[in-house]
Amino acid sequence: MDKRFTQRANKAISLAYNSAVSLGHNYIGTEHILLGLLRENEGVAARALSANGITVEGVTEKIREKVGIGDPGVTPRDLTPRSKLILKFASEEAIRMGHNYIGTEHILLGILREGDNMGARILTELLGGDLRRLADTILRAIGEGSGSGAMPPNPGAGNLRPEQSGKSPRASKLLDEFGRNLNAMAADSALDPVIGRNEEISRVIQILSRRTKNNPVLIGEPGVGKTAVVEGLAQKIVLGDIPENLKDKTVYTLNLAGVIAGTKYRGEFEERIRNIIEEVKKAKNIILFIDEIHTLIGAGGAEGAIDAANILKPALSRGEIQVIGATTLDEYRKHVEKDAALERRFQPVQIGEPSADDTVQILKGLRDRYEAHHKIKITDEAIEAAVQLSMRYINDRFLPDK
């Protein structure tokens, strides 16, 4: 295997081998690779397939119907020539996109690009012939635009160029330095899955979709999951599971402390903030997430200088930028509510502490990641005990953080 294959891509190929074994096939075909991509479960390919309603069960049923079941105990010998070809196409897609790795997304693009393989035929049937929709989801997830020379159309696969650009703009110098691109992190599966916050995420999406007063502020106690709501939004954007008007948005989290740090002279901080605002305005599709937004009031405001909130207000009032804020109820009342002009620009979204049952479900959803990190097995009983004991003995923090 090519050394550029990521850990997830290698895992998908390994799972393809296991799928061939379980079906009694003596080869590893594109249909098995498709199953491997689904069973890998965390990569861009798995999430794109899931977002389009493609399941392990659905693909397995199609394989049984089209190929049949072989003899138990058969050992697959090798990749079929067509499987090798789609891995070659995966490598070419990675090179064309300027990536120095080959991920699950490139393998799936390889299947779609070749077009006449069993995996692509199964996808064509399951998607009602609309492979373009799946290609669109993948390209949006990795920040490829419609004008970027997307995969050449194949007669067997149809036109796979995306309808929407879903383009994730190149980060500006300042946003690179003082922020993090949450869309890019979501596409790279670097964010934890968000569980049980659909209502809050939907409310944020609703506010962001307004023509005016379209800046949500998340209000909740420390540790209840305010940042997770924003990460959930970024994941939905990457997967295209979001209204049309937000599909090309990119969420950046801004580190305000980093912006302030190292500004020794009067006007230096103001200039940084103005430059960041200017870059966001030029990009036109960036949503800034500012945690602890109450710190904007007074930030950088040395004697005779303007604080960050006053620099931000004009751009917010004209609708030139969109911001998601996060703060606690106490800080919101103490700082934001007292600044009537700033308060008018934001729409509150209450983020409550999840119940014990919801926390158990959240932890079960994250269990795989903690097991992989700590190299241990975590039982359901351990999760339930952790929740109950934390509620009994930790009184200065909130679920699910505690």
Protein backbone atom coordinates (compact mmCIF):
# COMPACT_ATOMS: atom_id res chain seq x y z
CA MET A 1 0.00 0.00 0.00
CA ASP A 2 1.05 3.58 -0.72
CA LYS A 3 2.61 5.19 2.37
CA ARG A 4 0.39 8.24 1.81
CA PHE A 5 -2.73 6.28 2.81
CA THR A 6 -4.05 7.65 6.09
CA GLN A 7 -4.74 5.45 9.10
CA ARG A 8 -8.48 5.62 8.34
CA ALA A 9 -7.92 4.71 4.68
CA ASN A 10 -5.81 1.69 5.70
CA LYS A 11 -8.49 0.69 8.20
CA ALA A 12 -11.15 0.90 5.47
CA ILE A 13 -9.11 -1.43 3.21
CA SER A 14 -8.62 -3.85 6.12
CA LEU A 15 -12.38 -3.78 6.76
CA ALA A 16 -12.93 -4.41 3.04
CA TYR A 17 -10.92 -7.64 3.43
CA ASN A 18 -13.05 -8.62 6.45
CA SER A 19 -16.22 -7.88 4.45
CA ALA A 20 -15.04 -10.15 1.63
CA VAL A 21 -14.35 -12.92 4.17
CA SER A 22 -17.78 -12.56 5.81
CA LEU A 23 -19.47 -12.77 2.38
CA GLY A 24 -17.39 -15.80 1.36
CA HIS A 25 -15.75 -14.05 -1.61
CA ASN A 26 -12.23 -14.97 -2.72
CA TYR A 27 -11.39 -11.45 -3.95
CA ILE A 28 -11.56 -7.85 -2.67
CA GLY A 29 -13.79 -5.92 -5.05
CA THR A 30 -14.97 -2.33 -5.14
CA GLU A 31 -18.18 -3.42 -3.38
CA HIS A 32 -16.09 -4.66 -0.45
CA ILE A 33 -14.10 -1.39 -0.41
CA LEU A 34 -17.41 0.49 -0.29
CA LEU A 35 -18.43 -1.61 2.73
CA GLY A 36 -15.01 -0.97 4.30
CA LEU A 37 -15.46 2.81 3.89
CA LEU A 38 -18.86 2.60 5.60
CA ARG A 39 -17.65 0.35 8.42
CA GLU A 40 -14.65 2.59 9.11
CA ASN A 41 -17.38 4.93 10.40
CA GLU A 42 -15.35 8.09 11.20
CA GLY A 43 -13.75 9.29 7.96
CA VAL A 44 -15.08 11.82 5.47
CA ALA A 45 -16.29 9.01 3.17
CA ALA A 46 -18.33 7.29 5.91
CA ARG A 47 -19.95 10.58 6.93
CA ALA A 48 -20.69 11.60 3.34
CA LEU A 49 -22.26 8.20 2.62
CA SER A 50 -24.29 8.35 5.83
CA ALA A 51 -25.48 11.89 5.03
CA ASN A 52 -26.85 10.53 1.74
CA GLY A 53 -28.66 7.65 3.40
CA ILE A 54 -26.19 4.90 2.42
CA THR A 55 -25.93 2.20 5.10
CA VAL A 56 -23.92 -1.00 5.65
CA GLU A 57 -27.17 -2.97 5.60
CA GLY A 58 -28.33 -1.42 2.32
CA VAL A 59 -25.01 -2.06 0.55
CA THR A 60 -24.75 -5.62 1.94
CA GLU A 61 -28.25 -6.41 0.68
CA LYS A 62 -27.33 -5.15 -2.81
CA ILE A 63 -24.14 -7.26 -2.82
CA ARG A 64 -26.14 -10.37 -1.86
CA GLU A 65 -28.62 -9.59 -4.61
CA LYS A 66 -26.08 -8.83 -7.37
CA VAL A 67 -23.07 -10.99 -6.49
CA GLY A 68 -24.40 -13.62 -4.13
CA ILE A 69 -22.76 -15.31 -1.15
CA GLY A 70 -19.68 -17.51 -1.50
CA ASP A 71 -18.44 -20.44 0.55
CA PRO A 72 -17.69 -19.93 4.25
CA GLY A 73 -14.00 -20.00 5.16
CA VAL A 74 -12.82 -18.69 1.77
CA THR A 75 -9.77 -16.40 1.98
CA PRO A 76 -9.64 -13.41 -0.39
CA ARG A 77 -6.53 -13.59 -2.59
CA ASP A 78 -6.05 -10.01 -3.74
CA LEU A 79 -7.62 -6.76 -4.87
CA THR A 80 -9.38 -7.07 -8.22
CA PRO A 81 -7.89 -5.09 -11.15
CA ARG A 82 -10.78 -2.63 -10.86
CA SER A 83 -10.14 -2.17 -7.13
CA LYS A 84 -6.49 -1.42 -7.90
CA LEU A 85 -7.64 1.07 -10.55
CA ILE A 86 -9.88 2.97 -8.13
CA LEU A 87 -7.00 3.18 -5.61
CA LYS A 88 -4.85 4.59 -8.44
CA PHE A 89 -7.62 7.12 -9.15
CA ALA A 90 -7.73 7.92 -5.40
CA SER A 91 -4.02 8.77 -5.54
CA GLU A 92 -4.59 10.98 -8.61
CA GLU A 93 -7.49 12.79 -6.90
CA ALA A 94 -5.30 13.49 -3.85
CA ILE A 95 -2.51 14.86 -6.07
CA ARG A 96 -4.96 16.98 -8.09
CA MET A 97 -6.31 18.52 -4.89
CA GLY A 98 -2.83 19.26 -3.57
CA HIS A 99 -3.13 16.80 -0.67
CA ASN A 100 -0.04 14.95 0.55
CA TYR A 101 -2.15 12.05 1.86
CA ILE A 102 -4.77 9.66 0.50
CA GLY A 103 -7.87 9.59 2.70
CA THR A 104 -11.17 7.72 2.64
CA GLU A 105 -12.66 10.64 0.70
CA HIS A 106 -10.18 10.13 -2.15
CA ILE A 107 -10.97 6.39 -2.30
CA LEU A 108 -14.70 7.13 -2.55
CA LEU A 109 -14.00 9.71 -5.26
CA GLY A 110 -11.99 7.01 -7.05
CA ILE A 111 -15.03 4.68 -7.00
CA LEU A 112 -17.25 7.43 -8.41
CA ARG A 113 -14.71 8.52 -11.00
CA GLU A 114 -14.21 5.02 -12.46
CA GLY A 115 -17.98 4.75 -12.58
CA ASP A 116 -18.45 1.25 -14.02
CA ASN A 117 -17.41 -0.81 -10.98
CA MET A 118 -19.74 -2.80 -8.73
CA GLY A 119 -19.42 -0.28 -5.89
CA ALA A 120 -20.48 2.59 -8.17
CA ARG A 121 -23.36 0.54 -9.61
CA ILE A 122 -24.66 -0.20 -6.12
CA LEU A 123 -24.42 3.49 -5.20
CA THR A 124 -26.22 4.46 -8.41
CA GLU A 125 -29.16 2.23 -7.48
CA LEU A 126 -29.28 3.33 -3.85
CA LEU A 127 -29.12 7.02 -4.81
CA GLY A 128 -31.66 6.73 -7.61
CA GLY A 129 -29.01 7.47 -10.24
CA ASP A 130 -27.87 10.72 -8.62
CA LEU A 131 -24.16 10.12 -7.98
CA ARG A 132 -23.56 13.84 -8.38
CA ARG A 133 -25.24 14.49 -5.04
CA LEU A 134 -22.77 12.22 -3.26
CA ALA A 135 -19.80 13.75 -5.10
CA ASP A 136 -21.09 17.19 -4.11
CA THR A 137 -21.15 16.16 -0.43
CA ILE A 138 -17.58 14.83 -0.56
CA LEU A 139 -16.17 17.84 -2.38
CA ARG A 140 -17.93 20.23 -0.02
CA ALA A 141 -16.51 18.33 2.96
CA ILE A 142 -12.93 18.75 1.71
CA GLY A 143 -13.39 22.35 0.55
CA GLU A 144 -13.31 21.74 -3.21
CA GLY A 145 -15.25 24.23 -5.28
CA SER A 146 -17.16 23.71 -8.51
CA GLY A 147 -14.59 25.74 -10.35
CA SER A 148 -11.67 23.71 -9.07
CA GLY A 149 -11.60 21.17 -11.85
CA ALA A 150 -13.58 18.51 -10.02
CA MET A 151 -13.34 14.94 -11.22
CA PRO A 152 -13.61 14.51 -14.97
CA PRO A 153 -17.06 13.17 -15.79
CA ASN A 154 -17.19 9.50 -16.70
CA PRO A 155 -19.85 8.17 -19.08
CA GLY A 156 -20.65 5.41 -16.61
CA ALA A 157 -20.91 7.72 -13.64
CA GLY A 158 -22.61 10.79 -15.07
CA ASN A 159 -21.53 14.34 -14.46
CA LEU A 160 -20.01 14.38 -10.99
CA ARG A 161 -19.23 18.08 -10.79
CA PRO A 162 -20.83 19.53 -7.67
CA GLU A 163 -23.86 21.78 -7.98
CA GLN A 164 -22.75 23.87 -4.98
CA SER A 165 -19.25 25.05 -4.42
CA GLY A 166 -19.26 24.44 -0.66
CA LYS A 167 -15.93 26.14 -0.91
CA SER A 168 -13.98 26.63 2.24
CA PRO A 169 -11.98 29.80 1.62
CA ARG A 170 -8.28 29.82 2.18
CA ALA A 171 -7.74 31.19 5.65
CA SER A 172 -6.46 34.70 5.86
CA LYS A 173 -3.13 35.33 7.50
CA LEU A 174 -4.71 36.73 10.66
CA LEU A 175 -7.41 34.07 10.93
CA ASP A 176 -4.71 31.45 10.45
CA GLU A 177 -2.74 33.00 13.27
CA PHE A 178 -5.55 33.81 15.71
CA GLY A 179 -8.28 31.34 14.81
CA ARG A 180 -9.14 27.75 13.91
CA ASN A 181 -11.12 26.63 10.87
CA LEU A 182 -13.83 24.37 12.38
CA ASN A 183 -15.01 23.25 8.92
CA ALA A 184 -11.54 21.93 8.12
CA MET A 185 -11.38 20.18 11.50
CA ALA A 186 -14.82 18.64 10.93
CA ALA A 187 -13.78 17.42 7.47
CA ASP A 188 -10.69 15.85 9.02
CA SER A 189 -12.80 14.16 11.75
CA ALA A 190 -10.82 16.14 14.34
CA LEU A 191 -14.00 17.17 16.21
CA ASP A 192 -15.90 14.92 18.60
CA PRO A 193 -19.40 13.88 17.45
CA VAL A 194 -22.13 16.13 18.88
CA ILE A 195 -24.93 14.17 20.58
CA GLY A 196 -28.27 15.40 21.87
CA ARG A 197 -28.04 19.06 20.82
CA ASN A 198 -30.16 18.99 17.66
CA GLU A 199 -32.70 21.48 19.01
CA GLU A 200 -30.04 24.04 19.94
CA ILE A 201 -28.17 23.61 16.65
CA SER A 202 -31.45 24.05 14.74
CA ARG A 203 -32.12 27.27 16.67
CA VAL A 204 -28.63 28.58 15.80
CA ILE A 205 -29.22 27.71 12.12
CA GLN A 206 -32.58 29.51 12.22
CA ILE A 207 -30.99 32.69 13.62
CA LEU A 208 -28.07 32.59 11.16
CA SER A 209 -30.56 32.30 8.28
CA ARG A 210 -32.31 35.59 9.12
CA ARG A 211 -31.76 38.71 7.05
CA THR A 212 -31.21 40.85 10.15
CA LYS A 213 -30.51 40.12 13.84
CA ASN A 214 -28.70 37.02 12.65
CA ASN A 215 -25.99 36.67 15.32
CA PRO A 216 -26.68 33.98 17.97
CA VAL A 217 -25.18 34.16 21.44
CA LEU A 218 -25.07 30.85 23.34
CA ILE A 219 -25.78 31.30 27.03
CA GLY A 220 -25.06 28.51 29.51
CA GLU A 221 -22.92 27.46 32.44
CA PRO A 222 -19.28 26.42 31.87
CA GLY A 223 -18.97 22.84 30.60
CA VAL A 224 -22.56 22.31 29.40
CA GLY A 225 -21.53 22.14 25.73
CA LYS A 226 -21.76 25.62 24.17
CA THR A 227 -18.68 25.06 21.99
CA ALA A 228 -20.02 21.61 21.02
CA VAL A 229 -23.10 23.29 19.50
CA VAL A 230 -20.86 25.38 17.22
CA GLU A 231 -18.80 22.31 16.33
CA GLY A 232 -22.06 20.52 15.48
CA LEU A 233 -22.94 23.41 13.17
CA ALA A 234 -19.57 23.09 11.38
CA GLN A 235 -20.11 19.33 10.98
CA LYS A 236 -23.55 19.92 9.44
CA ILE A 237 -22.10 22.47 7.00
CA VAL A 238 -19.37 20.04 5.95
CA LEU A 239 -21.93 17.27 5.34
CA GLY A 240 -24.30 19.62 3.51
CA ASP A 241 -27.06 18.88 6.05
CA ILE A 242 -28.02 22.55 6.29
CA PRO A 243 -30.21 25.14 4.49
CA GLU A 244 -29.01 26.29 1.07
CA ASN A 245 -28.09 29.81 2.24
CA LEU A 246 -25.56 28.44 4.76
CA LYS A 247 -23.97 25.69 2.65
CA ASP A 248 -20.95 27.77 1.64
CA LYS A 249 -20.27 29.15 5.13
CA THR A 250 -17.04 28.46 7.01
CA VAL A 251 -16.93 28.69 10.82
CA TYR A 252 -13.79 30.10 12.41
CA THR A 253 -13.26 30.27 16.16
CA LEU A 254 -11.40 33.44 17.12
CA ASN A 255 -8.90 33.40 19.98
CA LEU A 256 -9.40 36.89 21.40
CA ALA A 257 -6.68 36.45 24.03
CA GLY A 258 -4.24 35.68 21.22
CA VAL A 259 -5.30 38.82 19.36
CA ILE A 260 -4.62 40.94 22.45
CA ALA A 261 -1.31 39.22 23.29
CA GLY A 262 1.79 41.08 22.19
CA THR A 263 0.02 44.38 21.41
CA LYS A 264 2.31 46.76 23.27
CA TYR A 265 1.49 50.06 21.58
CA ARG A 266 -1.70 52.10 21.44
CA GLY A 267 -3.72 51.30 18.33
CA GLU A 268 -1.99 47.99 17.63
CA PHE A 269 -4.86 45.87 18.98
CA GLU A 270 -7.48 48.02 17.22
CA GLU A 271 -5.62 47.58 13.95
CA ARG A 272 -5.56 43.77 14.35
CA ILE A 273 -9.31 43.63 15.05
CA ARG A 274 -10.09 45.94 12.12
CA ASN A 275 -7.92 43.84 9.80
CA ILE A 276 -9.65 40.63 10.93
CA ILE A 277 -13.07 42.23 10.36
CA GLU A 278 -11.94 43.46 6.93
CA GLU A 279 -10.76 39.97 5.94
CA VAL A 280 -14.04 38.41 7.11
CA LYS A 281 -15.99 41.02 5.12
CA LYS A 282 -13.97 40.30 1.97
CA ALA A 283 -14.44 36.52 2.31
CA LYS A 284 -18.24 37.04 2.64
CA ASN A 285 -18.87 33.50 3.86
CA ILE A 286 -17.08 33.31 7.23
CA ILE A 287 -18.94 33.00 10.53
CA LEU A 288 -16.79 34.02 13.50
CA PHE A 289 -17.25 32.13 16.76
CA ILE A 290 -16.08 34.10 19.80
CA ASP A 291 -16.10 32.18 23.08
CA GLU A 292 -16.36 34.26 26.27
CA ILE A 293 -17.78 37.07 24.15
CA HIS A 294 -18.25 39.29 27.21
CA THR A 295 -14.47 39.81 27.18
CA LEU A 296 -14.95 41.89 24.02
CA ILE A 297 -16.17 44.71 26.23
CA GLY A 298 -13.06 46.49 27.39
CA ALA A 299 -10.71 44.22 25.40
CA GLY A 300 -7.75 46.24 24.22
CA GLY A 301 -9.37 49.42 25.43
CA ALA A 302 -6.42 51.22 26.96
CA GLU A 303 -6.85 54.89 27.87
CA GLY A 304 -7.92 56.79 24.77
CA ALA A 305 -8.44 53.60 22.74
CA ILE A 306 -11.62 51.90 21.51
CA ASP A 307 -12.45 48.46 22.88
CA ALA A 308 -13.14 45.46 20.64
CA ALA A 309 -16.93 45.57 21.09
CA ASN A 310 -17.15 49.12 19.74
CA ILE A 311 -14.98 48.19 16.73
CA LEU A 312 -17.27 45.21 16.02
CA LYS A 313 -20.64 47.00 16.40
CA PRO A 314 -20.69 48.94 13.09
CA ALA A 315 -19.93 45.82 11.02
CA LEU A 316 -22.59 43.84 12.94
CA SER A 317 -25.21 46.56 12.58
CA ARG A 318 -24.65 46.76 8.79
CA GLY A 319 -24.82 42.97 8.47
CA GLU A 320 -21.31 42.85 6.98
CA ILE A 321 -20.16 40.03 9.26
CA GLN A 322 -21.84 37.25 11.24
CA VAL A 323 -20.74 36.27 14.74
CA ILE A 324 -21.70 33.49 17.13
CA GLY A 325 -20.93 34.34 20.74
CA ALA A 326 -20.81 32.20 23.87
CA THR A 327 -20.93 33.27 27.50
CA THR A 328 -22.43 32.39 30.87
CA LEU A 329 -25.72 33.87 32.10
CA ASP A 330 -23.96 35.89 34.84
CA GLU A 331 -21.42 37.39 32.42
CA TYR A 332 -24.16 38.10 29.86
CA ARG A 333 -26.18 40.07 32.42
CA LYS A 334 -23.12 41.82 33.85
CA HIS A 335 -21.54 42.89 30.55
CA VAL A 336 -23.59 42.34 27.39
CA GLU A 337 -27.05 43.34 28.68
CA LYS A 338 -25.64 46.63 29.96
CA ASP A 339 -24.41 47.51 26.46
CA ALA A 340 -27.76 48.00 24.74
CA ALA A 341 -26.23 48.55 21.29
CA LEU A 342 -24.30 45.26 21.50
CA GLU A 343 -27.22 43.34 23.00
CA ARG A 344 -29.45 44.35 20.07
CA ARG A 345 -27.06 42.66 17.64
CA PHE A 346 -27.31 39.24 19.32
CA GLN A 347 -30.12 36.72 19.76
CA PRO A 348 -29.82 34.56 22.91
CA VAL A 349 -29.89 30.76 22.68
CA GLN A 350 -30.09 29.04 26.08
CA ILE A 351 -27.85 25.97 26.43
CA GLY A 352 -29.03 24.01 29.45
CA GLU A 353 -27.21 21.33 31.40
CA PRO A 354 -28.10 17.91 29.96
CA SER A 355 -29.96 15.42 32.15
CA ALA A 356 -28.21 12.35 33.58
CA ASP A 357 -29.79 10.14 30.88
CA ASP A 358 -28.70 12.52 28.11
CA THR A 359 -25.18 12.63 29.56
CA VAL A 360 -25.00 8.82 29.52
CA GLN A 361 -25.96 8.88 25.81
CA ILE A 362 -23.34 11.59 25.11
CA LEU A 363 -20.62 9.54 26.82
CA LYS A 364 -21.66 6.37 24.99
CA GLY A 365 -21.33 8.29 21.73
CA LEU A 366 -17.80 9.35 22.68
CA ARG A 367 -16.79 6.01 24.19
CA ASP A 368 -14.86 4.78 21.12
CA ARG A 369 -12.58 7.82 21.20
CA TYR A 370 -11.80 7.52 24.89
CA GLU A 371 -11.19 3.78 24.55
CA ALA A 372 -8.75 4.38 21.68
CA HIS A 373 -6.97 7.18 23.57
CA HIS A 374 -6.62 5.38 26.91
CA LYS A 375 -6.37 1.86 25.37
CA ILE A 376 -9.00 0.49 27.74
CA LYS A 377 -12.50 -0.97 27.50
CA ILE A 378 -15.27 1.22 28.96
CA THR A 379 -18.46 -0.62 29.95
CA ASP A 380 -22.00 0.80 30.08
CA GLU A 381 -21.92 0.31 33.84
CA ALA A 382 -18.75 2.44 34.15
CA ILE A 383 -20.37 5.25 32.17
CA GLU A 384 -23.53 5.20 34.29
CA ALA A 385 -21.48 5.12 37.51
CA ALA A 386 -19.32 8.05 36.34
CA VAL A 387 -22.43 10.15 35.72
CA GLN A 388 -24.11 9.27 39.02
CA LEU A 389 -20.94 9.72 41.11
CA SER A 390 -20.06 13.04 39.46
CA MET A 391 -23.56 14.33 40.21
CA ARG A 392 -23.21 13.28 43.84
CA TYR A 393 -19.66 14.45 44.58
CA ILE A 394 -18.73 17.20 42.10
CA ASN A 395 -20.81 20.28 42.85
CA ASP A 396 -18.78 23.08 41.28
CA ARG A 397 -19.03 21.86 37.66
CA PHE A 398 -21.76 20.89 35.22
CA LEU A 399 -22.67 17.86 33.11
CA PRO A 400 -21.29 16.58 30.82
CA ASP A 401 -17.99 18.31 31.69
CA LYS A 402 -17.80 16.90 35.22
